[in-house]
């Protein structure tokens, strides 16, 4: 028995790659969660990384939370020094 080759939309591929890149999760975990082959997702991630090689990587969830906290503190300090 042969199975038909599955086709995935560009939006699905982009979201799957974002799950790996932005959350620093393992490709195998994300692939299992989405019900796709690990090699397929690995190819998509590799293609994304080659296309965006010169760019800085997006901040991780922890880094984003830390940046928000530092920005909140900066605004708070600015208000205190202004008055």
Foldseek 3Di string as FASTA:
>chain_A
DDDDDDDDDPVVLVVLLCVCQQAVDDLVVSCVVVVHDSVVNVVSNVVVCVVCVPPDGDHHPVVVVVVVVVVVVVVVVVVVVVD
